PDB file of N, CA and C in Angstrom:
ATOM      1  N   UNK A   1      52.519 -61.088 207.769  1.00  0.00           N
ATOM      2  CA  UNK A   1      51.357 -61.932 207.600  1.00  0.00           C
ATOM      3  C   UNK A   1      51.221 -62.324 206.128  1.00  0.00           C
ATOM      4  N   UNK A   2      50.936 -63.587 205.936  1.00  0.00           N
ATOM      5  CA  UNK A   2      50.679 -64.108 204.597  1.00  0.00           C
ATOM      6  C   UNK A   2      49.185 -63.969 204.304  1.00  0.00           C
ATOM      7  N   UNK A   3      48.795 -64.145 203.040  1.00  0.00           N
ATOM      8  CA  UNK A   3      47.362 -64.118 202.732  1.00  0.00           C
ATOM      9  C   UNK A   3      46.648 -65.258 203.471  1.00  0.00           C
ATOM     10  N   UNK A   4      45.385 -65.063 203.832  1.00  0.00           N
ATOM     11  CA  UNK A   4      44.637 -66.130 204.517  1.00  0.00           C
ATOM     12  C   UNK A   4      44.556 -67.392 203.652  1.00  0.00           C
ATOM     13  N   UNK A   5      44.497 -68.540 204.338  1.00  0.00           N
ATOM     14  CA  UNK A   5      44.449 -69.841 203.678  1.00  0.00           C
ATOM     15  C   UNK A   5      43.300 -70.662 204.245  1.00  0.00           C
ATOM     16  N   UNK A   6      42.946 -71.731 203.555  1.00  0.00           N
ATOM     17  CA  UNK A   6      41.920 -72.641 204.063  1.00  0.00           C
ATOM     18  C   UNK A   6      42.474 -73.559 205.150  1.00  0.00           C
ATOM     19  N   UNK A   7      43.731 -73.998 204.970  1.00  0.00           N
ATOM     20  CA  UNK A   7      44.361 -74.941 205.902  1.00  0.00           C
ATOM     21  C   UNK A   7      45.778 -74.472 206.211  1.00  0.00           C
ATOM     22  N   UNK A   8      46.317 -74.890 207.347  1.00  0.00           N
ATOM     23  CA  UNK A   8      47.711 -74.558 207.635  1.00  0.00           C
ATOM     24  C   UNK A   8      48.636 -75.162 206.575  1.00  0.00           C
ATOM     25  N   UNK A   9      49.694 -74.445 206.282  1.00  0.00           N
ATOM     26  CA  UNK A   9      50.699 -74.887 205.319  1.00  0.00           C
ATOM     27  C   UNK A   9      52.008 -75.115 206.057  1.00  0.00           C
ATOM     28  N   UNK A  10      52.527 -76.332 205.982  1.00  0.00           N
ATOM     29  CA  UNK A  10      53.797 -76.681 206.617  1.00  0.00           C
ATOM     30  C   UNK A  10      54.889 -76.546 205.564  1.00  0.00           C
ATOM     31  N   UNK A  11      55.880 -75.698 205.828  1.00  0.00           N
ATOM     32  CA  UNK A  11      57.030 -75.545 204.939  1.00  0.00           C
ATOM     33  C   UNK A  11      58.224 -76.222 205.582  1.00  0.00           C
ATOM     34  N   UNK A  12      58.916 -77.030 204.815  1.00  0.00           N
ATOM     35  CA  UNK A  12      60.027 -77.826 205.328  1.00  0.00           C
ATOM     36  C   UNK A  12      61.139 -77.866 204.286  1.00  0.00           C
ATOM     37  N   UNK A  13      62.321 -78.298 204.699  1.00  0.00           N
ATOM     38  CA  UNK A  13      63.471 -78.390 203.805  1.00  0.00           C
ATOM     39  C   UNK A  13      63.385 -79.694 203.018  1.00  0.00           C
ATOM     40  N   UNK A  14      62.999 -79.600 201.761  1.00  0.00           N
ATOM     41  CA  UNK A  14      62.869 -80.778 200.916  1.00  0.00           C
ATOM     42  C   UNK A  14      64.200 -81.393 200.530  1.00  0.00           C
ATOM     43  N   UNK A  15      65.311 -80.708 200.794  1.00  0.00           N
ATOM     44  CA  UNK A  15      66.639 -81.241 200.500  1.00  0.00           C
ATOM     45  C   UNK A  15      67.223 -81.985 201.695  1.00  0.00           C
ATOM     46  N   UNK A  16      66.509 -82.009 202.796  1.00  0.00           N
ATOM     47  CA  UNK A  16      66.994 -82.617 204.039  1.00  0.00           C
ATOM     48  C   UNK A  16      66.258 -83.935 204.275  1.00  0.00           C
ATOM     49  N   UNK A  17      66.992 -85.038 204.289  1.00  0.00           N
ATOM     50  CA  UNK A  17      66.388 -86.342 204.522  1.00  0.00           C
ATOM     51  C   UNK A  17      65.673 -86.421 205.855  1.00  0.00           C
ATOM     52  N   UNK A  18      66.266 -85.866 206.887  1.00  0.00           N
ATOM     53  CA  UNK A  18      65.645 -85.846 208.214  1.00  0.00           C
ATOM     54  C   UNK A  18      64.296 -85.130 208.152  1.00  0.00           C
ATOM     55  N   UNK A  19      64.268 -83.988 207.480  1.00  0.00           N
ATOM     56  CA  UNK A  19      63.030 -83.200 207.365  1.00  0.00           C
ATOM     57  C   UNK A  19      61.974 -83.949 206.556  1.00  0.00           C
ATOM     58  N   UNK A  20      62.391 -84.553 205.451  1.00  0.00           N
ATOM     59  CA  UNK A  20      61.449 -85.311 204.631  1.00  0.00           C
ATOM     60  C   UNK A  20      60.870 -86.490 205.409  1.00  0.00           C
ATOM     61  N   UNK A  21      61.719 -87.169 206.203  1.00  0.00           N
ATOM     62  CA  UNK A  21      61.231 -88.290 207.023  1.00  0.00           C
ATOM     63  C   UNK A  21      60.187 -87.825 208.021  1.00  0.00           C
ATOM     64  N   UNK A  22      60.412 -86.684 208.673  1.00  0.00           N
ATOM     65  CA  UNK A  22      59.450 -86.190 209.652  1.00  0.00           C
ATOM     66  C   UNK A  22      58.160 -85.723 208.997  1.00  0.00           C
ATOM     67  N   UNK A  23      58.263 -85.151 207.811  1.00  0.00           N
ATOM     68  CA  UNK A  23      57.049 -84.753 207.091  1.00  0.00           C
ATOM     69  C   UNK A  23      56.272 -86.004 206.684  1.00  0.00           C
ATOM     70  N   UNK A  24      56.966 -87.069 206.289  1.00  0.00           N
ATOM     71  CA  UNK A  24      56.277 -88.327 205.958  1.00  0.00           C
ATOM     72  C   UNK A  24      55.522 -88.849 207.183  1.00  0.00           C
ATOM     73  N   UNK A  25      56.138 -88.778 208.360  1.00  0.00           N
ATOM     74  CA  UNK A  25      55.456 -89.189 209.594  1.00  0.00           C
ATOM     75  C   UNK A  25      54.255 -88.295 209.877  1.00  0.00           C
ATOM     76  N   UNK A  26      54.434 -87.011 209.677  1.00  0.00           N
ATOM     77  CA  UNK A  26      53.354 -86.055 209.915  1.00  0.00           C
ATOM     78  C   UNK A  26      52.184 -86.325 208.965  1.00  0.00           C
ATOM     79  N   UNK A  27      52.476 -86.641 207.712  1.00  0.00           N
ATOM     80  CA  UNK A  27      51.412 -86.946 206.743  1.00  0.00           C
ATOM     81  C   UNK A  27      50.605 -88.170 207.178  1.00  0.00           C
ATOM     82  N   UNK A  28      51.278 -89.175 207.751  1.00  0.00           N
ATOM     83  CA  UNK A  28      50.567 -90.357 208.247  1.00  0.00           C
ATOM     84  C   UNK A  28      49.666 -89.964 209.418  1.00  0.00           C
ATOM     85  N   UNK A  29      50.188 -89.155 210.329  1.00  0.00           N
ATOM     86  CA  UNK A  29      49.407 -88.695 211.475  1.00  0.00           C
ATOM     87  C   UNK A  29      48.224 -87.844 211.010  1.00  0.00           C
ATOM     88  N   UNK A  30      48.444 -87.069 209.967  1.00  0.00           N
ATOM     89  CA  UNK A  30      47.438 -86.156 209.416  1.00  0.00           C
ATOM     90  C   UNK A  30      46.473 -86.920 208.497  1.00  0.00           C
ATOM     91  N   UNK A  31      45.836 -87.939 209.033  1.00  0.00           N
ATOM     92  CA  UNK A  31      45.004 -88.837 208.212  1.00  0.00           C
ATOM     93  C   UNK A  31      43.749 -88.165 207.661  1.00  0.00           C
ATOM     94  N   UNK A  32      43.386 -86.995 208.156  1.00  0.00           N
ATOM     95  CA  UNK A  32      42.229 -86.271 207.635  1.00  0.00           C
ATOM     96  C   UNK A  32      42.647 -85.171 206.654  1.00  0.00           C
ATOM     97  N   UNK A  33      43.933 -85.137 206.310  1.00  0.00           N
ATOM     98  CA  UNK A  33      44.477 -84.146 205.365  1.00  0.00           C
ATOM     99  C   UNK A  33      44.104 -82.718 205.772  1.00  0.00           C
ATOM    100  N   UNK A  34      44.358 -82.403 207.033  1.00  0.00           N
ATOM    101  CA  UNK A  34      44.048 -81.072 207.561  1.00  0.00           C
ATOM    102  C   UNK A  34      45.148 -80.060 207.264  1.00  0.00           C
ATOM    103  N   UNK A  35      46.304 -80.538 206.839  1.00  0.00           N
ATOM    104  CA  UNK A  35      47.451 -79.671 206.584  1.00  0.00           C
ATOM    105  C   UNK A  35      47.870 -79.776 205.125  1.00  0.00           C
ATOM    106  N   UNK A  36      48.451 -78.694 204.618  1.00  0.00           N
ATOM    107  CA  UNK A  36      49.112 -78.699 203.312  1.00  0.00           C
ATOM    108  C   UNK A  36      50.612 -78.689 203.579  1.00  0.00           C
ATOM    109  N   UNK A  37      51.400 -79.156 202.619  1.00  0.00           N
ATOM    110  CA  UNK A  37      52.848 -79.274 202.778  1.00  0.00           C
ATOM    111  C   UNK A  37      53.534 -78.693 201.547  1.00  0.00           C
ATOM    112  N   UNK A  38      54.658 -78.022 201.780  1.00  0.00           N
ATOM    113  CA  UNK A  38      55.392 -77.426 200.678  1.00  0.00           C
ATOM    114  C   UNK A  38      56.869 -77.365 201.045  1.00  0.00           C
ATOM    115  N   UNK A  39      57.754 -77.900 200.184  1.00  0.00           N
ATOM    116  CA  UNK A  39      59.185 -77.745 200.465  1.00  0.00           C
ATOM    117  C   UNK A  39      59.590 -76.285 200.299  1.00  0.00           C
ATOM    118  N   UNK A  40      60.489 -75.824 201.137  1.00  0.00           N
ATOM    119  CA  UNK A  40      60.903 -74.424 201.074  1.00  0.00           C
ATOM    120  C   UNK A  40      61.611 -74.113 199.766  1.00  0.00           C
ATOM    121  N   UNK A  41      62.027 -75.127 199.019  1.00  0.00           N
ATOM    122  CA  UNK A  41      62.667 -74.905 197.728  1.00  0.00           C
ATOM    123  C   UNK A  41      61.654 -74.497 196.654  1.00  0.00           C
ATOM    124  N   UNK A  42      60.379 -74.666 196.917  1.00  0.00           N
ATOM    125  CA  UNK A  42      59.354 -74.262 195.958  1.00  0.00           C
ATOM    126  C   UNK A  42      59.404 -72.740 195.802  1.00  0.00           C
ATOM    127  N   UNK A  43      59.329 -72.253 194.567  1.00  0.00           N
ATOM    128  CA  UNK A  43      59.402 -70.804 194.352  1.00  0.00           C
ATOM    129  C   UNK A  43      58.329 -70.004 195.100  1.00  0.00           C
ATOM    130  N   UNK A  44      57.217 -70.623 195.449  1.00  0.00           N
ATOM    131  CA  UNK A  44      56.143 -69.925 196.168  1.00  0.00           C
ATOM    132  C   UNK A  44      56.456 -69.707 197.650  1.00  0.00           C
ATOM    133  N   UNK A  45      57.399 -70.456 198.207  1.00  0.00           N
ATOM    134  CA  UNK A  45      57.633 -70.443 199.656  1.00  0.00           C
ATOM    135  C   UNK A  45      57.907 -69.039 200.194  1.00  0.00           C
ATOM    136  N   UNK A  46      58.775 -68.303 199.538  1.00  0.00           N
ATOM    137  CA  UNK A  46      59.108 -66.964 200.026  1.00  0.00           C
ATOM    138  C   UNK A  46      57.915 -66.023 199.950  1.00  0.00           C
ATOM    139  N   UNK A  47      57.182 -66.078 198.840  1.00  0.00           N
ATOM    140  CA  UNK A  47      56.049 -65.159 198.706  1.00  0.00           C
ATOM    141  C   UNK A  47      54.900 -65.537 199.648  1.00  0.00           C
ATOM    142  N   UNK A  48      54.728 -66.814 199.939  1.00  0.00           N
ATOM    143  CA  UNK A  48      53.659 -67.245 200.845  1.00  0.00           C
ATOM    144  C   UNK A  48      53.934 -66.858 202.297  1.00  0.00           C
ATOM    145  N   UNK A  49      55.217 -66.730 202.639  1.00  0.00           N
ATOM    146  CA  UNK A  49      55.581 -66.427 204.027  1.00  0.00           C
ATOM    147  C   UNK A  49      56.054 -65.004 204.230  1.00  0.00           C
ATOM    148  N   UNK A  50      56.521 -64.363 203.169  1.00  0.00           N
ATOM    149  CA  UNK A  50      57.127 -63.047 203.316  1.00  0.00           C
ATOM    150  C   UNK A  50      58.501 -63.120 203.968  1.00  0.00           C
ATOM    151  N   UNK A  51      59.090 -64.315 203.949  1.00  0.00           N
ATOM    152  CA  UNK A  51      60.409 -64.518 204.570  1.00  0.00           C
ATOM    153  C   UNK A  51      61.408 -64.970 203.517  1.00  0.00           C
ATOM    154  N   UNK A  52      62.671 -64.632 203.751  1.00  0.00           N
ATOM    155  CA  UNK A  52      63.724 -64.986 202.803  1.00  0.00           C
ATOM    156  C   UNK A  52      64.022 -66.476 202.843  1.00  0.00           C
ATOM    157  N   UNK A  53      64.658 -66.952 201.814  1.00  0.00           N
ATOM    158  CA  UNK A  53      65.052 -68.369 201.754  1.00  0.00           C
ATOM    159  C   UNK A  53      65.969 -68.695 202.927  1.00  0.00           C
ATOM    160  N   UNK A  54      66.896 -67.807 203.248  1.00  0.00           N
ATOM    161  CA  UNK A  54      67.814 -68.049 204.369  1.00  0.00           C
ATOM    162  C   UNK A  54      67.050 -68.209 205.682  1.00  0.00           C
ATOM    163  N   UNK A  55      66.039 -67.385 205.897  1.00  0.00           N
ATOM    164  CA  UNK A  55      65.230 -67.492 207.117  1.00  0.00           C
ATOM    165  C   UNK A  55      64.439 -68.787 207.114  1.00  0.00           C
ATOM    166  N   UNK A  56      63.886 -69.159 205.972  1.00  0.00           N
ATOM    167  CA  UNK A  56      63.116 -70.400 205.877  1.00  0.00           C
ATOM    168  C   UNK A  56      63.987 -71.623 206.147  1.00  0.00           C
ATOM    169  N   UNK A  57      65.265 -71.549 205.802  1.00  0.00           N
ATOM    170  CA  UNK A  57      66.173 -72.676 206.016  1.00  0.00           C
ATOM    171  C   UNK A  57      66.512 -72.892 207.490  1.00  0.00           C
ATOM    172  N   UNK A  58      66.246 -71.920 208.337  1.00  0.00           N
ATOM    173  CA  UNK A  58      66.587 -72.034 209.758  1.00  0.00           C
ATOM    174  C   UNK A  58      65.677 -72.969 210.525  1.00  0.00           C
ATOM    175  N   UNK A  59      64.426 -73.131 210.076  1.00  0.00           N
ATOM    176  CA  UNK A  59      63.460 -73.943 210.820  1.00  0.00           C
ATOM    177  C   UNK A  59      62.265 -74.240 209.936  1.00  0.00           C
ATOM    178  N   UNK A  60      61.503 -75.249 210.330  1.00  0.00           N
ATOM    179  CA  UNK A  60      60.220 -75.487 209.670  1.00  0.00           C
ATOM    180  C   UNK A  60      59.318 -74.297 209.979  1.00  0.00           C
ATOM    181  N   UNK A  61      58.486 -73.959 209.036  1.00  0.00           N
ATOM    182  CA  UNK A  61      57.547 -72.852 209.195  1.00  0.00           C
ATOM    183  C   UNK A  61      56.131 -73.345 208.925  1.00  0.00           C
ATOM    184  N   UNK A  62      55.173 -72.673 209.517  1.00  0.00           N
ATOM    185  CA  UNK A  62      53.768 -72.956 209.271  1.00  0.00           C
ATOM    186  C   UNK A  62      53.070 -71.642 208.980  1.00  0.00           C
ATOM    187  N   UNK A  63      52.274 -71.647 207.918  1.00  0.00           N
ATOM    188  CA  UNK A  63      51.409 -70.514 207.619  1.00  0.00           C
ATOM    189  C   UNK A  63      50.011 -70.939 208.061  1.00  0.00           C
ATOM    190  N   UNK A  64      49.487 -70.277 209.067  1.00  0.00           N
ATOM    191  CA  UNK A  64      48.164 -70.606 209.609  1.00  0.00           C
ATOM    192  C   UNK A  64      47.060 -70.055 208.712  1.00  0.00           C
ATOM    193  N   UNK A  65      45.836 -70.565 208.838  1.00  0.00           N
ATOM    194  CA  UNK A  65      44.734 -70.039 208.026  1.00  0.00           C
ATOM    195  C   UNK A  65      44.549 -68.528 208.156  1.00  0.00           C
ATOM    196  N   UNK A  66      44.910 -67.960 209.294  1.00  0.00           N
ATOM    197  CA  UNK A  66      44.795 -66.514 209.495  1.00  0.00           C
ATOM    198  C   UNK A  66      45.840 -65.722 208.716  1.00  0.00           C
ATOM    199  N   UNK A  67      46.873 -66.427 208.212  1.00  0.00           N
ATOM    200  CA  UNK A  67      47.973 -65.769 207.529  1.00  0.00           C
ATOM    201  C   UNK A  67      49.200 -65.607 208.415  1.00  0.00           C
ATOM    202  N   UNK A  68      49.054 -65.877 209.710  1.00  0.00           N
ATOM    203  CA  UNK A  68      50.187 -65.782 210.622  1.00  0.00           C
ATOM    204  C   UNK A  68      51.232 -66.831 210.263  1.00  0.00           C
ATOM    205  N   UNK A  69      52.513 -66.445 210.292  1.00  0.00           N
ATOM    206  CA  UNK A  69      53.613 -67.338 209.961  1.00  0.00           C
ATOM    207  C   UNK A  69      54.405 -67.598 211.241  1.00  0.00           C
ATOM    208  N   UNK A  70      54.578 -68.876 211.559  1.00  0.00           N
ATOM    209  CA  UNK A  70      55.295 -69.285 212.767  1.00  0.00           C
ATOM    210  C   UNK A  70      56.439 -70.211 212.395  1.00  0.00           C
ATOM    211  N   UNK A  71      57.452 -70.296 213.252  1.00  0.00           N
ATOM    212  CA  UNK A  71      58.608 -71.148 212.971  1.00  0.00           C
ATOM    213  C   UNK A  71      59.010 -71.945 214.202  1.00  0.00           C
ATOM    214  N   UNK A  72      59.713 -73.051 213.953  1.00  0.00           N
ATOM    215  CA  UNK A  72      60.280 -73.856 215.031  1.00  0.00           C
ATOM    216  C   UNK A  72      59.234 -74.545 215.886  1.00  0.00           C
ATOM    217  N   UNK A  73      59.523 -74.665 217.181  1.00  0.00           N
ATOM    218  CA  UNK A  73      58.628 -75.358 218.109  1.00  0.00           C
ATOM    219  C   UNK A  73      57.267 -74.677 218.202  1.00  0.00           C
ATOM    220  N   UNK A  74      57.230 -73.366 218.058  1.00  0.00           N
ATOM    221  CA  UNK A  74      55.951 -72.637 218.086  1.00  0.00           C
ATOM    222  C   UNK A  74      55.073 -73.092 216.917  1.00  0.00           C
ATOM    223  N   UNK A  75      55.686 -73.323 215.761  1.00  0.00           N
ATOM    224  CA  UNK A  75      54.949 -73.809 214.596  1.00  0.00           C
ATOM    225  C   UNK A  75      54.408 -75.216 214.854  1.00  0.00           C
ATOM    226  N   UNK A  76      55.225 -76.052 215.473  1.00  0.00           N
ATOM    227  CA  UNK A  76      54.776 -77.410 215.786  1.00  0.00           C
ATOM    228  C   UNK A  76      53.592 -77.376 216.747  1.00  0.00           C
ATOM    229  N   UNK A  77      53.677 -76.526 217.746  1.00  0.00           N
ATOM    230  CA  UNK A  77      52.566 -76.398 218.696  1.00  0.00           C
ATOM    231  C   UNK A  77      51.298 -75.952 217.978  1.00  0.00           C
ATOM    232  N   UNK A  78      51.441 -75.060 217.021  1.00  0.00           N
ATOM    233  CA  UNK A  78      50.278 -74.493 216.327  1.00  0.00           C
ATOM    234  C   UNK A  78      49.534 -75.512 215.467  1.00  0.00           C
ATOM    235  N   UNK A  79      50.234 -76.540 214.971  1.00  0.00           N
ATOM    236  CA  UNK A  79      49.539 -77.511 214.127  1.00  0.00           C
ATOM    237  C   UNK A  79      48.897 -78.641 214.934  1.00  0.00           C
ATOM    238  N   UNK A  80      49.244 -78.767 216.192  1.00  0.00           N
ATOM    239  CA  UNK A  80      48.698 -79.853 217.020  1.00  0.00           C
ATOM    240  C   UNK A  80      47.171 -79.936 216.984  1.00  0.00           C
ATOM    241  N   UNK A  81      46.435 -78.839 217.124  1.00  0.00           N
ATOM    242  CA  UNK A  81      44.973 -78.943 217.124  1.00  0.00           C
ATOM    243  C   UNK A  81      44.374 -79.467 215.812  1.00  0.00           C
ATOM    244  N   UNK A  82      45.126 -79.435 214.738  1.00  0.00           N
ATOM    245  CA  UNK A  82      44.636 -79.894 213.449  1.00  0.00           C
ATOM    246  C   UNK A  82      44.812 -81.402 213.247  1.00  0.00           C
ATOM    247  N   UNK A  83      45.545 -82.033 214.161  1.00  0.00           N
ATOM    248  CA  UNK A  83      45.878 -83.449 214.011  1.00  0.00           C
ATOM    249  C   UNK A  83      45.058 -84.324 214.955  1.00  0.00           C
ATOM    250  N   UNK A  84      44.703 -85.543 214.524  1.00  0.00           N
ATOM    251  CA  UNK A  84      43.994 -86.453 215.417  1.00  0.00           C
ATOM    252  C   UNK A  84      44.818 -86.678 216.694  1.00  0.00           C
ATOM    253  N   UNK A  85      44.189 -86.532 217.816  1.00  0.00           N
ATOM    254  CA  UNK A  85      44.839 -86.660 219.129  1.00  0.00           C
ATOM    255  C   UNK A  85      45.968 -85.652 219.329  1.00  0.00           C
ATOM    256  N   UNK A  86      45.968 -84.594 218.541  1.00  0.00           N
ATOM    257  CA  UNK A  86      47.008 -83.574 218.656  1.00  0.00           C
ATOM    258  C   UNK A  86      46.800 -82.637 219.834  1.00  0.00           C
ATOM    259  N   UNK A  87      45.635 -82.703 220.451  1.00  0.00           N
ATOM    260  CA  UNK A  87      45.390 -81.823 221.598  1.00  0.00           C
ATOM    261  C   UNK A  87      46.281 -82.168 222.780  1.00  0.00           C
ATOM    262  N   UNK A  88      46.628 -83.452 222.925  1.00  0.00           N
ATOM    263  CA  UNK A  88      47.493 -83.846 224.039  1.00  0.00           C
ATOM    264  C   UNK A  88      48.876 -83.206 223.913  1.00  0.00           C
ATOM    265  N   UNK A  89      49.570 -83.376 222.771  1.00  0.00           N
ATOM    266  CA  UNK A  89      50.858 -82.680 222.663  1.00  0.00           C
ATOM    267  C   UNK A  89      50.687 -81.162 222.737  1.00  0.00           C
ATOM    268  N   UNK A  90      49.578 -80.649 222.187  1.00  0.00           N
ATOM    269  CA  UNK A  90      49.319 -79.213 222.271  1.00  0.00           C
ATOM    270  C   UNK A  90      49.201 -78.753 223.711  1.00  0.00           C
ATOM    271  N   UNK A  91      48.546 -79.568 224.539  1.00  0.00           N
ATOM    272  CA  UNK A  91      48.428 -79.261 225.970  1.00  0.00           C
ATOM    273  C   UNK A  91      49.806 -79.274 226.627  1.00  0.00           C
ATOM    274  N   UNK A  92      50.601 -80.276 226.311  1.00  0.00           N
ATOM    275  CA  UNK A  92      51.945 -80.374 226.907  1.00  0.00           C
ATOM    276  C   UNK A  92      52.771 -79.140 226.539  1.00  0.00           C
ATOM    277  N   UNK A  93      52.671 -78.686 225.283  1.00  0.00           N
ATOM    278  CA  UNK A  93      53.394 -77.485 224.849  1.00  0.00           C
ATOM    279  C   UNK A  93      52.996 -76.253 225.659  1.00  0.00           C
ATOM    280  N   UNK A  94      51.807 -76.249 226.222  1.00  0.00           N
ATOM    281  CA  UNK A  94      51.327 -75.084 226.975  1.00  0.00           C
ATOM    282  C   UNK A  94      51.691 -75.120 228.456  1.00  0.00           C
ATOM    283  N   UNK A  95      52.261 -76.215 228.925  1.00  0.00           N
ATOM    284  CA  UNK A  95      52.701 -76.281 230.320  1.00  0.00           C
ATOM    285  C   UNK A  95      53.857 -75.311 230.535  1.00  0.00           C
ATOM    286  N   UNK A  96      53.940 -74.703 231.721  1.00  0.00           N
ATOM    287  CA  UNK A  96      55.012 -73.740 231.985  1.00  0.00           C
ATOM    288  C   UNK A  96      56.401 -74.346 231.727  1.00  0.00           C
ATOM    289  N   UNK A  97      57.197 -73.636 230.962  1.00  0.00           N
ATOM    290  CA  UNK A  97      58.573 -74.032 230.708  1.00  0.00           C
ATOM    291  C   UNK A  97      58.762 -74.995 229.548  1.00  0.00           C
ATOM    292  N   UNK A  98      57.698 -75.615 229.059  1.00  0.00           N
ATOM    293  CA  UNK A  98      57.849 -76.622 228.002  1.00  0.00           C
ATOM    294  C   UNK A  98      58.205 -75.979 226.661  1.00  0.00           C
ATOM    295  N   UNK A  99      57.533 -74.908 226.275  1.00  0.00           N
ATOM    296  CA  UNK A  99      57.803 -74.304 224.970  1.00  0.00           C
ATOM    297  C   UNK A  99      59.242 -73.782 224.859  1.00  0.00           C
ATOM    298  N   UNK A 100      59.776 -73.069 225.864  1.00  0.00           N
ATOM    299  CA  UNK A 100      61.174 -72.651 225.741  1.00  0.00           C
ATOM    300  C   UNK A 100      62.138 -73.838 225.640  1.00  0.00           C
ATOM    301  N   UNK A 101      61.852 -74.903 226.383  1.00  0.00           N
ATOM    302  CA  UNK A 101      62.690 -76.099 226.294  1.00  0.00           C
ATOM    303  C   UNK A 101      62.552 -76.741 224.910  1.00  0.00           C
ATOM    304  N   UNK A 102      61.320 -76.853 224.427  1.00  0.00           N
ATOM    305  CA  UNK A 102      61.088 -77.424 223.103  1.00  0.00           C
ATOM    306  C   UNK A 102      61.797 -76.602 222.029  1.00  0.00           C
ATOM    307  N   UNK A 103      61.801 -75.295 222.174  1.00  0.00           N
ATOM    308  CA  UNK A 103      62.473 -74.435 221.197  1.00  0.00           C
ATOM    309  C   UNK A 103      63.979 -74.678 221.211  1.00  0.00           C
ATOM    310  N   UNK A 104      64.555 -74.846 222.392  1.00  0.00           N
ATOM    311  CA  UNK A 104      66.002 -75.129 222.482  1.00  0.00           C
ATOM    312  C   UNK A 104      66.329 -76.465 221.837  1.00  0.00           C
ATOM    313  N   UNK A 105      65.504 -77.489 222.102  1.00  0.00           N
ATOM    314  CA  UNK A 105      65.712 -78.807 221.499  1.00  0.00           C
ATOM    315  C   UNK A 105      65.541 -78.708 219.988  1.00  0.00           C
ATOM    316  N   UNK A 106      64.507 -77.995 219.546  1.00  0.00           N
ATOM    317  CA  UNK A 106      64.272 -77.833 218.118  1.00  0.00           C
ATOM    318  C   UNK A 106      65.483 -77.170 217.448  1.00  0.00           C
ATOM    319  N   UNK A 107      65.977 -76.104 218.031  1.00  0.00           N
ATOM    320  CA  UNK A 107      67.128 -75.385 217.447  1.00  0.00           C
ATOM    321  C   UNK A 107      68.355 -76.290 217.371  1.00  0.00           C
ATOM    322  N   UNK A 108      68.572 -77.115 218.401  1.00  0.00           N
ATOM    323  CA  UNK A 108      69.717 -78.030 218.393  1.00  0.00           C
ATOM    324  C   UNK A 108      69.572 -79.028 217.247  1.00  0.00           C
ATOM    325  N   UNK A 109      68.375 -79.600 217.110  1.00  0.00           N
ATOM    326  CA  UNK A 109      68.136 -80.568 216.033  1.00  0.00           C
ATOM    327  C   UNK A 109      68.294 -79.888 214.673  1.00  0.00           C
ATOM    328  N   UNK A 110      67.726 -78.714 214.513  1.00  0.00           N
ATOM    329  CA  UNK A 110      67.823 -77.995 213.239  1.00  0.00           C
ATOM    330  C   UNK A 110      69.278 -77.695 212.889  1.00  0.00           C
ATOM    331  N   UNK A 111      70.066 -77.374 213.885  1.00  0.00           N
ATOM    332  CA  UNK A 111      71.483 -77.064 213.669  1.00  0.00           C
ATOM    333  C   UNK A 111      72.251 -78.295 213.208  1.00  0.00           C
ATOM    334  N   UNK A 112      71.859 -79.484 213.681  1.00  0.00           N
ATOM    335  CA  UNK A 112      72.601 -80.716 213.407  1.00  0.00           C
ATOM    336  C   UNK A 112      71.977 -81.595 212.327  1.00  0.00           C
ATOM    337  N   UNK A 113      70.894 -81.152 211.719  1.00  0.00           N
ATOM    338  CA  UNK A 113      70.244 -81.985 210.706  1.00  0.00           C
ATOM    339  C   UNK A 113      71.077 -82.025 209.433  1.00  0.00           C
ATOM    340  N   UNK A 114      70.693 -82.893 208.539  1.00  0.00           N
ATOM    341  CA  UNK A 114      71.378 -82.994 207.250  1.00  0.00           C
ATOM    342  C   UNK A 114      72.530 -83.975 207.319  1.00  0.00           C
ATOM    343  N   UNK A 115      73.377 -83.979 206.299  1.00  0.00           N
ATOM    344  CA  UNK A 115      74.499 -84.916 206.268  1.00  0.00           C
ATOM    345  C   UNK A 115      75.397 -84.734 207.504  1.00  0.00           C
ATOM    346  N   UNK A 116      76.032 -85.802 207.923  1.00  0.00           N
ATOM    347  CA  UNK A 116      76.900 -85.750 209.099  1.00  0.00           C
ATOM    348  C   UNK A 116      77.933 -84.652 208.920  1.00  0.00           C
ATOM    349  N   UNK A 117      78.057 -83.818 209.945  1.00  0.00           N
ATOM    350  CA  UNK A 117      79.026 -82.733 209.912  1.00  0.00           C
ATOM    351  C   UNK A 117      78.538 -81.499 209.157  1.00  0.00           C
ATOM    352  N   UNK A 118      77.350 -81.557 208.597  1.00  0.00           N
ATOM    353  CA  UNK A 118      76.832 -80.434 207.828  1.00  0.00           C
ATOM    354  C   UNK A 118      75.779 -79.690 208.637  1.00  0.00           C
ATOM    355  N   UNK A 119      75.842 -78.398 208.588  1.00  0.00           N
ATOM    356  CA  UNK A 119      74.814 -77.565 209.207  1.00  0.00           C
ATOM    357  C   UNK A 119      74.080 -76.848 208.080  1.00  0.00           C
ATOM    358  N   UNK A 120      72.840 -76.428 208.309  1.00  0.00           N
ATOM    359  CA  UNK A 120      72.061 -75.821 207.214  1.00  0.00           C
ATOM    360  C   UNK A 120      72.790 -74.697 206.495  1.00  0.00           C
ATOM    361  N   UNK A 121      73.513 -73.853 207.240  1.00  0.00           N
ATOM    362  CA  UNK A 121      74.166 -72.714 206.567  1.00  0.00           C
ATOM    363  C   UNK A 121      75.465 -73.121 205.877  1.00  0.00           C
ATOM    364  N   UNK A 122      75.921 -74.375 206.057  1.00  0.00           N
ATOM    365  CA  UNK A 122      77.140 -74.851 205.404  1.00  0.00           C
ATOM    366  C   UNK A 122      76.852 -75.444 204.036  1.00  0.00           C
ATOM    367  N   UNK A 123      75.576 -75.668 203.702  1.00  0.00           N
ATOM    368  CA  UNK A 123      75.257 -76.344 202.429  1.00  0.00           C
ATOM    369  C   UNK A 123      75.300 -75.401 201.274  1.00  0.00           C
TER     370      UNK A 123
END
């Protein structure tokens, strides 16, 4: 558990164009500025999450106001209630079988992100 926060903190790979593009989309959706954002390359990332840089590179992470740290599709589901009209995707994530499927899709995308032919652990 991380220290409690006022708002959820989204940690993402700032060296990944795909990740930066999705965070830019998320910032537009987050028109009420309900979320904070931090690239995992920031020196604070490890101390804020209690996770190693290698673990942070595996998936996007979210530090919730309670201090709970989540990763991957579970993290995406957790930020839905903070976003305008985010309850609909949040509801879909709660349907039986959707979260495990979303996690598999998320892991596949995370594995293939970055430059063509490059995987996160190859950089």
